[in-house]
Amino acid sequence: MAQDYKHGIPAVSPIASIIAAATGTLVHTLPATRTCRARKIHIFNHNAATANVSLGTGLAGLFVPAMVAWQVLAGMDLIVEEGQIPDFEFTANVTASSNVAGAAPANVEIQIEVEEYLGTAG
């Protein structure tokens, strides 16, 4: 029986610290000729304010969100599983942005697990 999907190469990003509001922060570097889909997202909000965090592409003022933002309450963390993540295929480095800013220990941190594909996912 033929499968209607491709298995990708799993990869986990290092923890990225978002210290500037409304600015893209690099979360996952995508190797050349590969695309990826987010499979799991873990967000830590160390800030005293509620954070809205989204994934997208582009750094600094060129951030373009690829999906809706997740709201993370002050001092809490959030784990987003595969079934809750929009099915978006990244063709460039994955970045994240938040509406709150703060240097450690009041920063927002994010770590993602992705599945990388040679070419496209299909």
Foldseek 3Di string as FASTA:
>chain_A
DDDPWDFFAKDKWDKWWAADAQWWTFTFFDDPQKKKWFFKKKKFAQAQAKKWKAKADDGGNPGDGPDGTDIDGHGGMDMDGRVRGPGDIGPGTMIMHIRDHHDPPRIMIMMTMMGMDRHDGD
